[in-house]
Each structure stands twice: as C-alpha cells, then as structure tokens.
Amino acid sequence: MSKTAGFTLAESLAVLAIVSFFTLLPLLALQRWQEILNVQQFLARFEKSILVTQQLAITDKTRTQFFLTPDQRSIYFSTSRQPESQLPTLMIPQELTVNKFPAIAFVAQTGNNSKMETITFQWKAQRQTIQYKFQLGSGHYQKVID
C-alpha cells in the first residue's frame, strides 16, 4: 500500500477554527468601536445644536427651545418664529438612556436660560454618566462625565 501525504479531518477543522477566530476578532472590535463613535458623534451634534439654538435666540430675537420627544428617543429643537429654520431632530443612540431631560428654552435677544437645569444621559456600556450643566457666567452648557 502506498501512503499519501495529507491532513486529517481533525487537523483541517482545527486550522479552520483558528482562521475563523482571527477573521472574526477584528469584526467584533469594529462593532464596539462603531458603537463608541456613534455615541460620541451624537454628543458632539447635541452640543453643537444647543449652541446653534442659543445663537438663534440672540440673532433672530426669538424664543428658541429644545425638548425630549414623548417616545424619549429623539430631541426636538425649535424656534417660535420661523418654522423653516427648524433644526433637525436628533435621534438618541440605543447605547444611551435619558435620566433627566427638562425642556429648555432660551430667551429672545439674550439667549439666556431662565432655569439652571441639568441634562443627564447614562451610557451603561462604558459605565458613564454624562451631564450637561448650564454655566451662569459663560451662558453655555458644560459637559461633565462621571
């Protein structure tokens, strides 16, 4: 009988398992990074939208506001005068939960906020609490991560 060189079924399966593991590992890490970037992009857009809403109150001399929609999955920004100047509604990523989100209004001409409310998000995957606190001196919201 002649011997043929080759691999056994067990050896082939072991190689296939190792190759599959090294192929799937970056995909799992990529998904985690995509979730992190999604939340960070939302927070950056949220901060920019707050600033634009406040600046619209000053420049358009009209009351502006933003609030959480009833489904608690999106944030709506609006002005009292011009419906065509509405800012886009921000969708809250699934990774974040809203702990506290009062309706915030900016006074016409000054852009001041009469309430010193705090907006709070919980990011459970990162074990972080993200708060936006209104700073009286600067008149802007400051992000605090615990």
C-alpha atoms as a PDB file:
ATOM      1  CA  MET A   1       0.000   0.000   0.000  1.00  0.00           C
ATOM      2  CA  SER A   2       1.121   3.462  -0.736  1.00  0.00           C
ATOM      3  CA  LYS A   3       0.993   6.275   1.810  1.00  0.00           C
ATOM      4  CA  THR A   4      -0.387   9.588   0.624  1.00  0.00           C
ATOM      5  CA  ALA A   5       0.608  12.780   2.328  1.00  0.00           C
ATOM      6  CA  GLY A   6      -2.248  14.881   3.686  1.00  0.00           C
ATOM      7  CA  PHE A   7      -4.022  16.273   6.715  1.00  0.00           C
ATOM      8  CA  THR A   8      -6.559  14.514   8.840  1.00  0.00           C
ATOM      9  CA  LEU A   9     -10.061  15.844   9.284  1.00  0.00           C
ATOM     10  CA  ALA A  10      -9.274  16.940  12.864  1.00  0.00           C
ATOM     11  CA  GLU A  11      -6.237  18.918  11.748  1.00  0.00           C
ATOM     12  CA  SER A  12      -8.194  20.627   8.974  1.00  0.00           C
ATOM     13  CA  LEU A  13     -11.002  21.576  11.379  1.00  0.00           C
ATOM     14  CA  ALA A  14      -8.512  22.950  13.895  1.00  0.00           C
ATOM     15  CA  VAL A  15      -6.918  25.171  11.220  1.00  0.00           C
ATOM     16  CA  LEU A  16     -10.363  26.310  10.054  1.00  0.00           C
ATOM     17  CA  ALA A  17     -11.354  27.224  13.635  1.00  0.00           C
ATOM     18  CA  ILE A  18      -8.164  29.229  14.179  1.00  0.00           C
ATOM     19  CA  VAL A  19      -8.532  31.101  10.879  1.00  0.00           C
ATOM     20  CA  SER A  20     -12.211  31.841  11.647  1.00  0.00           C
ATOM     21  CA  PHE A  21     -11.290  33.173  15.094  1.00  0.00           C
ATOM     22  CA  PHE A  22      -8.678  35.557  13.701  1.00  0.00           C
ATOM     23  CA  THR A  23     -11.108  36.689  10.991  1.00  0.00           C
ATOM     24  CA  LEU A  24     -13.991  37.423  13.393  1.00  0.00           C
ATOM     25  CA  LEU A  25     -11.910  39.096  16.099  1.00  0.00           C
ATOM     26  CA  PRO A  26     -11.485  42.415  14.216  1.00  0.00           C
ATOM     27  CA  LEU A  27     -15.168  42.428  13.301  1.00  0.00           C
ATOM     28  CA  LEU A  28     -16.176  42.222  16.959  1.00  0.00           C
ATOM     29  CA  ALA A  29     -13.769  45.013  17.885  1.00  0.00           C
ATOM     30  CA  LEU A  30     -15.020  47.076  14.961  1.00  0.00           C
ATOM     31  CA  GLN A  31     -18.611  46.792  16.160  1.00  0.00           C
ATOM     32  CA  ARG A  32     -17.613  48.017  19.643  1.00  0.00           C
ATOM     33  CA  TRP A  33     -15.727  50.986  18.176  1.00  0.00           C
ATOM     34  CA  GLN A  34     -18.666  51.783  15.925  1.00  0.00           C
ATOM     35  CA  GLU A  35     -20.964  51.996  18.971  1.00  0.00           C
ATOM     36  CA  ILE A  36     -18.499  54.283  20.763  1.00  0.00           C
ATOM     37  CA  LEU A  37     -18.155  56.553  17.722  1.00  0.00           C
ATOM     38  CA  ASN A  38     -21.937  56.631  17.298  1.00  0.00           C
ATOM     39  CA  VAL A  39     -22.402  57.918  20.858  1.00  0.00           C
ATOM     40  CA  GLN A  40     -19.546  60.412  20.573  1.00  0.00           C
ATOM     41  CA  GLN A  41     -20.952  61.735  17.290  1.00  0.00           C
ATOM     42  CA  PHE A  42     -24.387  62.140  18.877  1.00  0.00           C
ATOM     43  CA  LEU A  43     -22.927  64.058  21.840  1.00  0.00           C
ATOM     44  CA  ALA A  44     -20.964  66.356  19.513  1.00  0.00           C
ATOM     45  CA  ARG A  45     -24.067  67.056  17.407  1.00  0.00           C
ATOM     46  CA  PHE A  46     -26.101  67.623  20.577  1.00  0.00           C
ATOM     47  CA  GLU A  47     -23.608  70.193  21.904  1.00  0.00           C
ATOM     48  CA  LYS A  48     -23.489  71.971  18.533  1.00  0.00           C
ATOM     49  CA  SER A  49     -27.297  72.013  18.292  1.00  0.00           C
ATOM     50  CA  ILE A  50     -27.587  73.550  21.773  1.00  0.00           C
ATOM     51  CA  LEU A  51     -25.153  76.295  20.776  1.00  0.00           C
ATOM     52  CA  VAL A  52     -26.930  76.983  17.470  1.00  0.00           C
ATOM     53  CA  THR A  53     -30.312  77.090  19.220  1.00  0.00           C
ATOM     54  CA  GLN A  54     -28.972  79.603  21.735  1.00  0.00           C
ATOM     55  CA  GLN A  55     -27.375  81.712  18.987  1.00  0.00           C
ATOM     56  CA  LEU A  56     -30.654  81.708  17.019  1.00  0.00           C
ATOM     57  CA  ALA A  57     -32.405  83.171  20.066  1.00  0.00           C
ATOM     58  CA  ILE A  58     -29.914  86.036  20.065  1.00  0.00           C
ATOM     59  CA  THR A  59     -29.646  86.746  16.335  1.00  0.00           C
ATOM     60  CA  ASP A  60     -33.290  86.165  15.321  1.00  0.00           C
ATOM     61  CA  LYS A  61     -34.557  87.815  18.517  1.00  0.00           C
ATOM     62  CA  THR A  62     -36.959  84.960  19.064  1.00  0.00           C
ATOM     63  CA  ARG A  63     -37.505  82.359  21.762  1.00  0.00           C
ATOM     64  CA  THR A  64     -35.924  79.003  20.978  1.00  0.00           C
ATOM     65  CA  GLN A  65     -36.242  75.706  22.775  1.00  0.00           C
ATOM     66  CA  PHE A  66     -35.319  72.056  22.736  1.00  0.00           C
ATOM     67  CA  PHE A  67     -37.006  69.144  24.422  1.00  0.00           C
ATOM     68  CA  LEU A  68     -37.250  65.385  24.519  1.00  0.00           C
ATOM     69  CA  THR A  69     -39.969  63.856  22.358  1.00  0.00           C
ATOM     70  CA  PRO A  70     -42.623  61.726  24.123  1.00  0.00           C
ATOM     71  CA  ASP A  71     -41.019  58.455  22.971  1.00  0.00           C
ATOM     72  CA  GLN A  72     -37.763  59.590  24.699  1.00  0.00           C
ATOM     73  CA  ARG A  73     -35.665  58.518  21.707  1.00  0.00           C
ATOM     74  CA  SER A  74     -35.137  61.885  19.999  1.00  0.00           C
ATOM     75  CA  ILE A  75     -34.547  65.562  20.785  1.00  0.00           C
ATOM     76  CA  TYR A  76     -36.518  68.278  19.017  1.00  0.00           C
ATOM     77  CA  PHE A  77     -35.114  71.799  18.503  1.00  0.00           C
ATOM     78  CA  SER A  78     -37.439  74.650  17.507  1.00  0.00           C
ATOM     79  CA  THR A  79     -37.863  78.401  17.230  1.00  0.00           C
ATOM     80  CA  SER A  80     -41.055  80.314  17.945  1.00  0.00           C
ATOM     81  CA  ARG A  81     -40.973  82.443  14.814  1.00  0.00           C
ATOM     82  CA  GLN A  82     -39.733  80.611  11.740  1.00  0.00           C
ATOM     83  CA  PRO A  83     -40.780  77.006  11.156  1.00  0.00           C
ATOM     84  CA  GLU A  84     -38.456  76.797   8.139  1.00  0.00           C
ATOM     85  CA  SER A  85     -35.424  77.402  10.370  1.00  0.00           C
ATOM     86  CA  GLN A  86     -36.078  74.319  12.469  1.00  0.00           C
ATOM     87  CA  LEU A  87     -33.006  72.338  13.324  1.00  0.00           C
ATOM     88  CA  PRO A  88     -33.010  68.633  12.556  1.00  0.00           C
ATOM     89  CA  THR A  89     -34.330  66.297  15.208  1.00  0.00           C
ATOM     90  CA  LEU A  90     -31.533  64.320  16.883  1.00  0.00           C
ATOM     91  CA  MET A  91     -32.043  60.610  17.389  1.00  0.00           C
ATOM     92  CA  ILE A  92     -30.652  59.311  20.681  1.00  0.00           C
ATOM     93  CA  PRO A  93     -28.475  56.204  20.155  1.00  0.00           C
ATOM     94  CA  GLN A  94     -29.644  52.929  21.688  1.00  0.00           C
ATOM     95  CA  GLU A  95     -26.492  52.845  23.848  1.00  0.00           C
ATOM     96  CA  LEU A  96     -27.657  55.921  25.788  1.00  0.00           C
ATOM     97  CA  THR A  97     -30.572  56.230  28.170  1.00  0.00           C
ATOM     98  CA  VAL A  98     -32.017  59.540  29.295  1.00  0.00           C
ATOM     99  CA  ASN A  99     -32.056  60.041  33.065  1.00  0.00           C
ATOM    100  CA  LYS A 100     -33.101  63.691  33.183  1.00  0.00           C
ATOM    101  CA  PHE A 101     -34.108  65.946  30.325  1.00  0.00           C
ATOM    102  CA  PRO A 102     -36.212  69.018  31.123  1.00  0.00           C
ATOM    103  CA  ALA A 103     -37.480  71.221  28.309  1.00  0.00           C
ATOM    104  CA  ILE A 104     -35.005  74.071  27.843  1.00  0.00           C
ATOM    105  CA  ALA A 105     -35.917  77.488  26.400  1.00  0.00           C
ATOM    106  CA  PHE A 106     -33.623  80.368  25.509  1.00  0.00           C
ATOM    107  CA  VAL A 107     -34.930  83.919  25.926  1.00  0.00           C
ATOM    108  CA  ALA A 108     -35.177  86.092  22.806  1.00  0.00           C
ATOM    109  CA  GLN A 109     -32.359  88.637  22.255  1.00  0.00           C
ATOM    110  CA  THR A 110     -30.198  87.483  25.186  1.00  0.00           C
ATOM    111  CA  GLY A 111     -30.088  83.708  24.728  1.00  0.00           C
ATOM    112  CA  ASN A 112     -30.244  83.281  28.490  1.00  0.00           C
ATOM    113  CA  ASN A 113     -31.722  80.224  30.084  1.00  0.00           C
ATOM    114  CA  SER A 114     -34.024  81.085  32.968  1.00  0.00           C
ATOM    115  CA  LYS A 115     -33.716  77.607  34.501  1.00  0.00           C
ATOM    116  CA  MET A 116     -30.479  76.133  35.723  1.00  0.00           C
ATOM    117  CA  GLU A 117     -31.466  72.622  34.674  1.00  0.00           C
ATOM    118  CA  THR A 118     -29.103  69.703  34.142  1.00  0.00           C
ATOM    119  CA  ILE A 119     -29.457  67.215  31.287  1.00  0.00           C
ATOM    120  CA  THR A 120     -28.286  63.701  32.146  1.00  0.00           C
ATOM    121  CA  PHE A 121     -27.569  60.672  29.951  1.00  0.00           C
ATOM    122  CA  GLN A 122     -26.471  57.214  31.123  1.00  0.00           C
ATOM    123  CA  TRP A 123     -24.057  55.179  29.000  1.00  0.00           C
ATOM    124  CA  LYS A 124     -24.232  51.743  30.579  1.00  0.00           C
ATOM    125  CA  ALA A 125     -21.672  50.002  28.351  1.00  0.00           C
ATOM    126  CA  GLN A 126     -18.968  52.494  29.378  1.00  0.00           C
ATOM    127  CA  ARG A 127     -20.355  52.917  32.925  1.00  0.00           C
ATOM    128  CA  GLN A 128     -20.526  56.676  32.449  1.00  0.00           C
ATOM    129  CA  THR A 129     -22.977  59.365  33.411  1.00  0.00           C
ATOM    130  CA  ILE A 130     -22.880  62.319  31.029  1.00  0.00           C
ATOM    131  CA  GLN A 131     -24.284  65.588  32.354  1.00  0.00           C
ATOM    132  CA  TYR A 132     -24.761  68.926  30.664  1.00  0.00           C
ATOM    133  CA  LYS A 133     -24.851  71.733  33.217  1.00  0.00           C
ATOM    134  CA  PHE A 134     -25.698  75.342  32.401  1.00  0.00           C
ATOM    135  CA  GLN A 135     -22.863  77.661  33.414  1.00  0.00           C
ATOM    136  CA  LEU A 136     -24.157  81.000  34.629  1.00  0.00           C
ATOM    137  CA  GLY A 137     -21.036  83.048  33.852  1.00  0.00           C
ATOM    138  CA  SER A 138     -20.438  81.854  30.299  1.00  0.00           C
ATOM    139  CA  GLY A 139     -24.075  81.163  29.451  1.00  0.00           C
ATOM    140  CA  HIS A 140     -23.189  77.831  27.865  1.00  0.00           C
ATOM    141  CA  TYR A 141     -23.631  74.184  28.759  1.00  0.00           C
ATOM    142  CA  GLN A 142     -20.628  72.328  30.092  1.00  0.00           C
ATOM    143  CA  LYS A 143     -20.279  68.558  29.663  1.00  0.00           C
ATOM    144  CA  VAL A 144     -19.313  66.614  32.784  1.00  0.00           C
ATOM    145  CA  ILE A 145     -18.546  62.888  32.545  1.00  0.00           C
ATOM    146  CA  ASP A 146     -18.573  60.792  35.713  1.00  0.00           C
END
